[in-house]
Amino acid sequence: MVIKLCRDYSIPLIAGVIVALVWANLFPESYHHVVHTPIIFDVNFHWLINDIFMVFFFAIAGVEIVNSLSVGGALNPIKKSVTPLMATAGGVLGPIAIFFILNSIIGSPEYVKGWGICTATDIALAWLLARVVFGRSHPAVSFLLLLAVVDDGIGLAIIAIFYPDPINPTQPIWLVLVLFAMLIAYRLNKKGVNSYWPYVLFCGTLSWFGMYNAHLHPALSLIAIVPFLPKTGMAIVHDDSHGIDDASCCSCLSTFEQQVAPFVEFGLFFFGLTNAGVELAGMSNLTLIILISLVVGKTIGISLFTWIATLLGFKLPTGMKANDVVVAGLIGGMGLTVALFVAGAAFVDMELQGAAKMGALLTASVFILAIVAGKIARIKKIKC
């Protein structure tokens, strides 16, 4: 009962965020020592969580997307995925527009580089909050998840293009290794390899090294491999409604999800611990601009572009309504992780960086706002 409660309401992640905030503000030197001091060579706790552990989080998110795009899924046929992809465009352009409008009114020329901070959605928190508000099986969860994954892909591209690291410039040639890993995964699938271990350990490792050496965030490396995991094969539990003829078995894809998801959900405590330790620095108008741009900009942008998509003849996932879109847009306004990362790349001045990070951190208030909005909009939860 306690374990189910923790998983359903993302207690480990929330606990990690709270511990990080308290620890970083009461004992900042101790916090940064534990999180950022190298354990061996240049490897520290923060790196292990963000570059290794989060690979599996994004992989589980990838499983959700694959199932949603499969026969019987909320985003099948593929035409249904056009709407969340258009919503993604709104979720990027809306916050940018709000940022420049607000900056022209209450901002400063030195704030301009912060526009990229407002484009990203925190996949981890948004996905988990969506499951709290809508229930695990609501089509809005798949809608928001696809949106968030693509959104963060755009966010990482923005970092590479507009906030390049002069010491470690992007090396696209290494992405050939990712393509090679995908080709091997495809061949394993065609040869009927039904264990997920070769896909994860061999193909996933190749993909990881490709992205890492390309100086792109390697946390997305398994997303390139997950679509090749067989959807039929050996079973441990019959819990996969996509492509399964024999009720006594479940797919390799489903087995991977069932075995890895608990580890990921409880491990998110450490994700919160290593990423939310922002010291409550002095706030400025930049803090307000970032906060409003993310929360208001995402809500308006996602809702508006979804409406435009429906006018063009594209449909929402079956069972999703207009009020669901607005609440999903609000949830998408939770920037945190990638927004914090972009803030560090956008501003060298530590005062500006601290104010910008505070704006990103304060988007955690969406947790309360979205739950309240869900009640007002009378969102009907779908738990199974």
Protein backbone atom coordinates (compact mmCIF):
# COMPACT_ATOMS: atom_id res chain seq x y z
CA MET A 1 0.00 0.00 0.00
CA VAL A 2 2.79 2.43 0.97
CA ILE A 3 4.82 1.52 -2.12
CA LYS A 4 1.80 2.03 -4.39
CA LEU A 5 1.08 5.39 -2.74
CA CYS A 6 4.68 6.49 -3.27
CA ARG A 7 4.58 5.51 -6.95
CA ASP A 8 1.14 6.98 -7.67
CA TYR A 9 1.90 10.38 -6.14
CA SER A 10 5.62 10.67 -6.99
CA ILE A 11 6.56 10.86 -3.32
CA PRO A 12 10.26 9.98 -3.88
CA LEU A 13 10.71 12.82 -6.40
CA ILE A 14 8.88 15.36 -4.24
CA ALA A 15 10.86 14.27 -1.19
CA GLY A 16 14.12 14.66 -3.12
CA VAL A 17 13.21 18.20 -4.19
CA ILE A 18 12.29 19.21 -0.62
CA VAL A 19 15.46 17.69 0.87
CA ALA A 20 17.59 19.42 -1.78
CA LEU A 21 16.06 22.85 -1.17
CA VAL A 22 16.41 22.60 2.62
CA TRP A 23 19.94 21.15 2.46
CA ALA A 24 21.23 23.63 -0.16
CA ASN A 25 19.95 26.63 1.78
CA LEU A 26 20.85 25.56 5.31
CA PHE A 27 24.17 23.87 4.55
CA PRO A 28 25.17 24.95 1.01
CA GLU A 29 28.82 23.93 1.29
CA SER A 30 27.89 20.44 2.48
CA TYR A 31 25.27 20.05 -0.27
CA HIS A 32 27.55 21.09 -3.11
CA HIS A 33 30.38 18.99 -1.73
CA VAL A 34 28.28 15.81 -1.75
CA VAL A 35 26.63 16.48 -5.13
CA HIS A 36 29.53 17.91 -7.11
CA THR A 37 32.76 16.54 -5.60
CA PRO A 38 34.29 13.88 -7.90
CA ILE A 39 33.89 10.31 -6.66
CA ILE A 40 36.41 8.90 -9.11
CA PHE A 41 38.26 10.84 -11.82
CA ASP A 42 35.78 13.58 -12.95
CA VAL A 43 32.66 11.54 -12.14
CA ASN A 44 30.44 13.04 -9.44
CA PHE A 45 27.01 12.20 -8.00
CA HIS A 46 25.25 14.82 -10.16
CA TRP A 47 26.77 13.35 -13.33
CA LEU A 48 25.83 9.78 -12.37
CA ILE A 49 22.18 10.78 -11.90
CA ASN A 50 21.77 13.11 -14.89
CA ASP A 51 23.87 11.24 -17.44
CA ILE A 52 23.35 7.61 -16.39
CA PHE A 53 20.23 7.18 -14.25
CA MET A 54 18.10 9.55 -16.35
CA VAL A 55 18.81 7.40 -19.42
CA PHE A 56 16.41 4.86 -17.93
CA PHE A 57 13.82 7.46 -17.02
CA PHE A 58 13.68 8.70 -20.60
CA ALA A 59 13.62 5.08 -21.79
CA ILE A 60 10.45 4.43 -19.76
CA ALA A 61 8.99 7.63 -21.21
CA GLY A 62 9.89 6.22 -24.62
CA VAL A 63 7.98 3.01 -23.86
CA GLU A 64 4.89 5.10 -23.08
CA ILE A 65 5.22 6.90 -26.42
CA VAL A 66 5.74 3.66 -28.37
CA ASN A 67 2.63 2.12 -26.78
CA SER A 68 0.64 5.27 -27.45
CA LEU A 69 1.61 5.17 -31.13
CA SER A 70 0.83 1.43 -31.42
CA VAL A 71 -2.50 -0.06 -32.47
CA GLY A 72 -5.04 0.72 -29.74
CA GLY A 73 -2.88 3.52 -28.32
CA ALA A 74 -4.06 7.07 -27.70
CA LEU A 75 -1.88 8.47 -30.53
CA ASN A 76 -2.71 5.80 -33.11
CA PRO A 77 -3.17 6.25 -36.04
CA ILE A 78 -0.06 8.39 -36.51
CA LYS A 79 -2.19 11.32 -37.69
CA LYS A 80 -3.21 11.83 -34.05
CA SER A 81 0.39 12.63 -33.12
CA VAL A 82 0.33 15.73 -35.34
CA THR A 83 -1.76 17.61 -32.78
CA PRO A 84 0.67 17.18 -29.84
CA LEU A 85 3.58 18.01 -32.17
CA MET A 86 1.87 21.25 -33.18
CA ALA A 87 1.17 21.86 -29.49
CA THR A 88 4.91 21.46 -28.92
CA ALA A 89 5.56 24.30 -31.37
CA GLY A 90 3.12 26.43 -29.40
CA GLY A 91 4.81 25.40 -26.18
CA VAL A 92 8.11 26.75 -27.52
CA LEU A 93 6.94 29.88 -29.38
CA GLY A 94 4.39 30.98 -26.75
CA PRO A 95 6.90 31.38 -23.90
CA ILE A 96 9.43 33.08 -26.19
CA ALA A 97 6.80 35.64 -27.25
CA ILE A 98 5.74 36.29 -23.64
CA PHE A 99 9.39 36.60 -22.60
CA PHE A 100 10.17 39.33 -25.14
CA ILE A 101 6.93 41.17 -24.40
CA LEU A 102 7.57 41.19 -20.66
CA ASN A 103 11.25 42.02 -21.09
CA SER A 104 10.33 45.07 -23.17
CA ILE A 105 8.05 46.27 -20.36
CA ILE A 106 9.79 45.39 -17.10
CA GLY A 107 13.06 43.86 -18.22
CA SER A 108 16.51 44.90 -19.35
CA PRO A 109 18.76 44.36 -22.39
CA GLU A 110 21.02 42.18 -20.23
CA TYR A 111 18.10 39.75 -19.72
CA VAL A 112 17.66 39.03 -23.45
CA LYS A 113 19.84 35.91 -23.49
CA GLY A 114 17.40 34.26 -21.09
CA TRP A 115 14.73 33.59 -23.74
CA GLY A 116 15.86 29.99 -24.17
CA ILE A 117 15.19 29.21 -20.51
CA CYS A 118 11.44 29.47 -21.14
CA THR A 119 11.25 26.87 -23.91
CA ALA A 120 11.77 23.63 -21.98
CA THR A 121 9.29 21.39 -20.17
CA ASP A 122 10.56 19.22 -17.33
CA ILE A 123 9.70 15.73 -18.62
CA ALA A 124 10.10 14.00 -15.27
CA LEU A 125 7.91 16.34 -13.24
CA ALA A 126 5.38 17.06 -16.01
CA TRP A 127 4.81 13.37 -16.75
CA LEU A 128 4.43 12.47 -13.11
CA LEU A 129 2.14 15.44 -12.36
CA ALA A 130 0.03 14.55 -15.41
CA ARG A 131 -0.51 11.07 -13.97
CA VAL A 132 -1.57 12.60 -10.66
CA VAL A 133 -4.05 15.01 -12.31
CA PHE A 134 -5.36 12.82 -15.14
CA GLY A 135 -4.67 9.28 -13.90
CA ARG A 136 -2.14 6.87 -15.41
CA SER A 137 -4.18 5.87 -18.49
CA HIS A 138 -5.72 9.18 -19.55
CA PRO A 139 -4.86 10.10 -23.18
CA ALA A 140 -3.71 13.53 -21.97
CA VAL A 141 -0.71 11.81 -20.34
CA SER A 142 0.51 10.44 -23.68
CA PHE A 143 -0.25 13.79 -25.34
CA LEU A 144 1.83 15.67 -22.77
CA LEU A 145 4.60 13.08 -22.71
CA LEU A 146 5.19 13.22 -26.48
CA LEU A 147 5.04 17.01 -26.28
CA ALA A 148 7.56 17.12 -23.41
CA VAL A 149 10.05 14.73 -25.03
CA VAL A 150 10.08 16.68 -28.31
CA ASP A 151 10.08 19.95 -26.37
CA ASP A 152 13.20 18.95 -24.44
CA GLY A 153 14.84 17.75 -27.66
CA ILE A 154 14.28 21.28 -28.99
CA GLY A 155 15.61 22.67 -25.70
CA LEU A 156 18.82 20.68 -26.04
CA ALA A 157 19.16 21.84 -29.66
CA ILE A 158 18.73 25.45 -28.50
CA ILE A 159 21.55 24.96 -26.00
CA ALA A 160 23.82 23.50 -28.70
CA ILE A 161 23.05 26.24 -31.26
CA PHE A 162 22.47 29.42 -29.23
CA TYR A 163 24.45 28.67 -26.05
CA PRO A 164 27.44 26.67 -27.33
CA ASP A 165 30.24 25.67 -25.00
CA PRO A 166 33.41 27.12 -26.59
CA ILE A 167 35.50 24.47 -24.85
CA ASN A 168 33.30 21.54 -25.97
CA PRO A 169 31.57 22.48 -29.25
CA THR A 170 28.97 20.11 -30.72
CA GLN A 171 30.45 17.26 -32.78
CA PRO A 172 27.57 15.95 -34.98
CA ILE A 173 29.78 13.31 -36.64
CA TRP A 174 29.49 11.19 -33.48
CA LEU A 175 25.75 10.80 -34.10
CA VAL A 176 26.73 8.22 -36.73
CA LEU A 177 27.35 5.94 -33.74
CA VAL A 178 23.72 6.47 -32.65
CA LEU A 179 22.51 5.50 -36.13
CA PHE A 180 24.75 2.43 -36.02
CA ALA A 181 23.26 1.44 -32.65
CA MET A 182 19.75 1.80 -34.09
CA LEU A 183 20.69 -0.39 -37.06
CA ILE A 184 21.98 -3.12 -34.75
CA ALA A 185 18.82 -2.88 -32.63
CA TYR A 186 16.75 -3.24 -35.82
CA ARG A 187 18.71 -6.38 -36.79
CA LEU A 188 18.29 -7.86 -33.30
CA ASN A 189 14.55 -7.27 -33.61
CA LYS A 190 14.40 -8.97 -37.01
CA LYS A 191 16.35 -11.94 -35.68
CA GLY A 192 13.76 -12.38 -32.92
CA VAL A 193 15.94 -11.48 -29.92
CA ASN A 194 13.30 -11.21 -27.19
CA SER A 195 15.45 -10.25 -24.20
CA TYR A 196 15.85 -6.52 -23.67
CA TRP A 197 19.39 -6.86 -22.29
CA PRO A 198 21.26 -6.86 -25.65
CA TYR A 199 19.28 -3.82 -26.76
CA VAL A 200 19.99 -1.92 -23.54
CA LEU A 201 23.56 -2.97 -22.77
CA PHE A 202 25.02 -3.10 -26.29
CA CYS A 203 22.92 -0.80 -28.46
CA GLY A 204 22.14 1.58 -25.60
CA THR A 205 25.82 1.90 -24.69
CA LEU A 206 26.78 2.66 -28.31
CA SER A 207 24.03 5.27 -28.53
CA TRP A 208 25.13 6.80 -25.21
CA PHE A 209 28.75 7.15 -26.32
CA GLY A 210 27.60 8.66 -29.62
CA MET A 211 25.54 11.35 -27.93
CA TYR A 212 28.09 11.97 -25.20
CA ASN A 213 30.94 12.50 -27.66
CA ALA A 214 28.69 14.65 -29.84
CA HIS A 215 28.37 16.84 -26.72
CA LEU A 216 24.61 16.35 -26.63
CA HIS A 217 22.86 15.22 -23.47
CA PRO A 218 23.23 11.39 -23.38
CA ALA A 219 20.14 10.96 -21.19
CA LEU A 220 18.11 10.62 -24.40
CA SER A 221 20.28 7.80 -25.77
CA LEU A 222 17.91 4.89 -25.06
CA ILE A 223 14.94 6.67 -26.64
CA ALA A 224 16.58 5.87 -29.99
CA ILE A 225 16.66 2.16 -29.09
CA VAL A 226 13.35 1.57 -27.29
CA PRO A 227 11.19 1.53 -30.48
CA PHE A 228 13.11 -1.56 -31.64
CA LEU A 229 12.32 -3.67 -28.56
CA PRO A 230 10.01 -6.49 -29.74
CA LYS A 231 6.37 -6.10 -28.86
CA THR A 232 5.89 -9.87 -28.76
CA GLY A 233 8.00 -12.47 -26.99
CA MET A 234 8.73 -14.09 -23.65
CA ALA A 235 6.56 -13.07 -20.77
CA ILE A 236 6.41 -12.56 -17.06
CA VAL A 237 3.00 -10.90 -16.74
CA HIS A 238 0.18 -10.44 -19.22
CA ASP A 239 -0.11 -6.67 -19.20
CA ASP A 240 0.49 -5.52 -22.75
CA SER A 241 -2.51 -4.79 -24.92
CA HIS A 242 -0.47 -3.80 -27.95
CA GLY A 243 0.35 -6.52 -30.43
CA ILE A 244 -0.13 -9.51 -28.11
CA ASP A 245 -2.09 -12.49 -29.30
CA ASP A 246 -1.35 -14.86 -26.44
CA ALA A 247 -2.89 -13.62 -23.18
CA SER A 248 -0.38 -15.71 -21.21
CA CYS A 249 2.58 -13.62 -22.28
CA CYS A 250 3.69 -10.05 -22.56
CA SER A 251 6.14 -8.35 -24.87
CA CYS A 252 9.82 -7.68 -24.42
CA LEU A 253 8.91 -3.99 -24.39
CA SER A 254 6.39 -4.48 -21.60
CA THR A 255 8.80 -6.67 -19.61
CA PHE A 256 11.42 -3.94 -19.80
CA GLU A 257 8.90 -1.40 -18.52
CA GLN A 258 7.67 -3.60 -15.66
CA GLN A 259 11.17 -4.39 -14.43
CA VAL A 260 12.77 -0.97 -14.84
CA ALA A 261 9.90 1.41 -13.95
CA PRO A 262 9.95 0.75 -10.14
CA PHE A 263 13.70 1.36 -10.04
CA VAL A 264 13.20 4.62 -11.96
CA GLU A 265 10.27 5.87 -9.89
CA PHE A 266 12.06 5.44 -6.57
CA GLY A 267 15.38 6.58 -8.02
CA LEU A 268 13.78 9.92 -8.89
CA PHE A 269 14.44 10.87 -5.24
CA PHE A 270 18.10 11.27 -6.21
CA PHE A 271 17.15 13.17 -9.36
CA GLY A 272 15.29 15.70 -7.22
CA LEU A 273 18.12 15.75 -4.68
CA THR A 274 20.85 16.55 -7.22
CA ASN A 275 18.92 19.02 -9.39
CA ALA A 276 16.68 21.07 -7.09
CA GLY A 277 19.37 22.33 -4.73
CA VAL A 278 19.02 25.96 -5.77
CA GLU A 279 19.93 28.53 -3.17
CA LEU A 280 17.20 31.12 -2.61
CA ALA A 281 19.20 33.96 -4.10
CA GLY A 282 17.97 37.49 -4.55
CA MET A 283 15.08 37.72 -6.98
CA SER A 284 14.65 40.37 -9.66
CA ASN A 285 12.34 41.19 -12.55
CA LEU A 286 14.15 38.46 -14.48
CA THR A 287 12.77 35.92 -12.00
CA LEU A 288 9.23 37.14 -12.66
CA ILE A 289 9.73 37.21 -16.43
CA ILE A 290 11.00 33.61 -16.50
CA LEU A 291 8.19 32.38 -14.22
CA ILE A 292 5.36 34.05 -16.15
CA SER A 293 6.85 33.17 -19.55
CA LEU A 294 6.96 29.48 -18.64
CA VAL A 295 3.62 29.12 -16.88
CA VAL A 296 1.48 31.54 -18.91
CA GLY A 297 3.38 31.17 -22.18
CA LYS A 298 3.19 27.37 -22.18
CA THR A 299 -0.49 27.32 -21.26
CA ILE A 300 -1.47 29.81 -23.97
CA GLY A 301 0.92 28.46 -26.62
CA ILE A 302 -0.04 24.80 -26.20
CA SER A 303 -3.77 25.56 -26.03
CA LEU A 304 -3.69 27.94 -29.03
CA PHE A 305 -1.66 25.69 -31.33
CA THR A 306 -3.76 22.66 -30.38
CA TRP A 307 -6.88 24.63 -31.32
CA ILE A 308 -5.24 25.59 -34.65
CA ALA A 309 -4.42 21.92 -35.28
CA THR A 310 -8.06 20.92 -34.77
CA LEU A 311 -9.17 23.70 -37.15
CA LEU A 312 -6.82 22.20 -39.75
CA GLY A 313 -8.59 18.86 -39.38
CA PHE A 314 -6.22 17.05 -37.02
CA LYS A 315 -7.80 15.31 -34.05
CA LEU A 316 -7.09 15.12 -30.36
CA PRO A 317 -6.32 11.70 -28.87
CA THR A 318 -9.55 9.75 -28.34
CA GLY A 319 -11.12 10.73 -25.01
CA MET A 320 -9.26 14.04 -24.69
CA LYS A 321 -11.24 17.29 -24.49
CA ALA A 322 -10.53 21.02 -24.69
CA ASN A 323 -10.36 21.47 -20.90
CA ASP A 324 -7.81 18.63 -20.77
CA VAL A 325 -5.63 20.54 -23.25
CA VAL A 326 -5.61 23.70 -21.11
CA VAL A 327 -4.65 21.78 -17.96
CA ALA A 328 -1.99 19.85 -19.92
CA GLY A 329 -0.64 23.20 -21.15
CA LEU A 330 -0.43 24.44 -17.58
CA ILE A 331 1.46 21.30 -16.54
CA GLY A 332 3.82 21.87 -19.47
CA GLY A 333 4.81 25.16 -17.83
CA MET A 334 6.92 23.34 -15.27
CA GLY A 335 10.44 24.14 -16.48
CA LEU A 336 12.83 23.16 -13.70
CA THR A 337 15.54 20.73 -14.86
CA VAL A 338 16.32 21.73 -18.46
CA ALA A 339 15.39 25.34 -17.65
CA LEU A 340 17.97 25.33 -14.83
CA PHE A 341 20.49 23.84 -17.22
CA VAL A 342 19.82 26.51 -19.88
CA ALA A 343 20.03 29.26 -17.23
CA GLY A 344 23.53 28.11 -16.39
CA ALA A 345 24.49 28.29 -20.06
CA ALA A 346 22.71 31.61 -20.77
CA PHE A 347 24.20 33.78 -18.03
CA VAL A 348 27.81 34.03 -16.90
CA ASP A 349 26.94 36.70 -14.33
CA MET A 350 26.09 34.73 -11.18
CA GLU A 351 23.54 37.30 -10.01
CA LEU A 352 21.57 37.05 -13.26
CA GLN A 353 21.98 33.28 -13.30
CA GLY A 354 20.66 32.99 -9.75
CA ALA A 355 17.63 35.18 -10.51
CA ALA A 356 16.88 33.18 -13.67
CA LYS A 357 17.20 29.86 -11.83
CA MET A 358 14.81 31.11 -9.17
CA GLY A 359 12.23 31.80 -11.90
CA ALA A 360 12.63 28.26 -13.21
CA LEU A 361 12.48 26.82 -9.70
CA LEU A 362 9.29 28.70 -8.84
CA THR A 363 7.49 26.94 -11.70
CA ALA A 364 7.22 24.06 -9.23
CA SER A 365 4.13 25.97 -8.04
CA VAL A 366 2.43 24.42 -11.08
CA PHE A 367 2.13 21.26 -8.96
CA ILE A 368 -0.53 22.98 -6.85
CA LEU A 369 -2.00 25.08 -9.68
CA ALA A 370 -2.53 22.06 -11.94
CA ILE A 371 -4.22 19.99 -9.25
CA VAL A 372 -6.57 22.90 -8.48
CA ALA A 373 -7.18 23.50 -12.21
CA GLY A 374 -7.94 19.81 -12.64
CA LYS A 375 -10.62 20.04 -9.96
CA ILE A 376 -12.11 23.21 -11.47
CA ALA A 377 -12.10 21.70 -14.98
CA ARG A 378 -13.64 18.51 -13.57
CA ILE A 379 -10.98 16.30 -15.08
CA LYS A 380 -12.07 12.68 -14.94
CA LYS A 381 -9.17 10.49 -13.87
CA ILE A 382 -8.51 7.26 -15.76
CA LYS A 383 -6.37 5.06 -13.55
CA CYS A 384 -6.29 1.81 -15.47
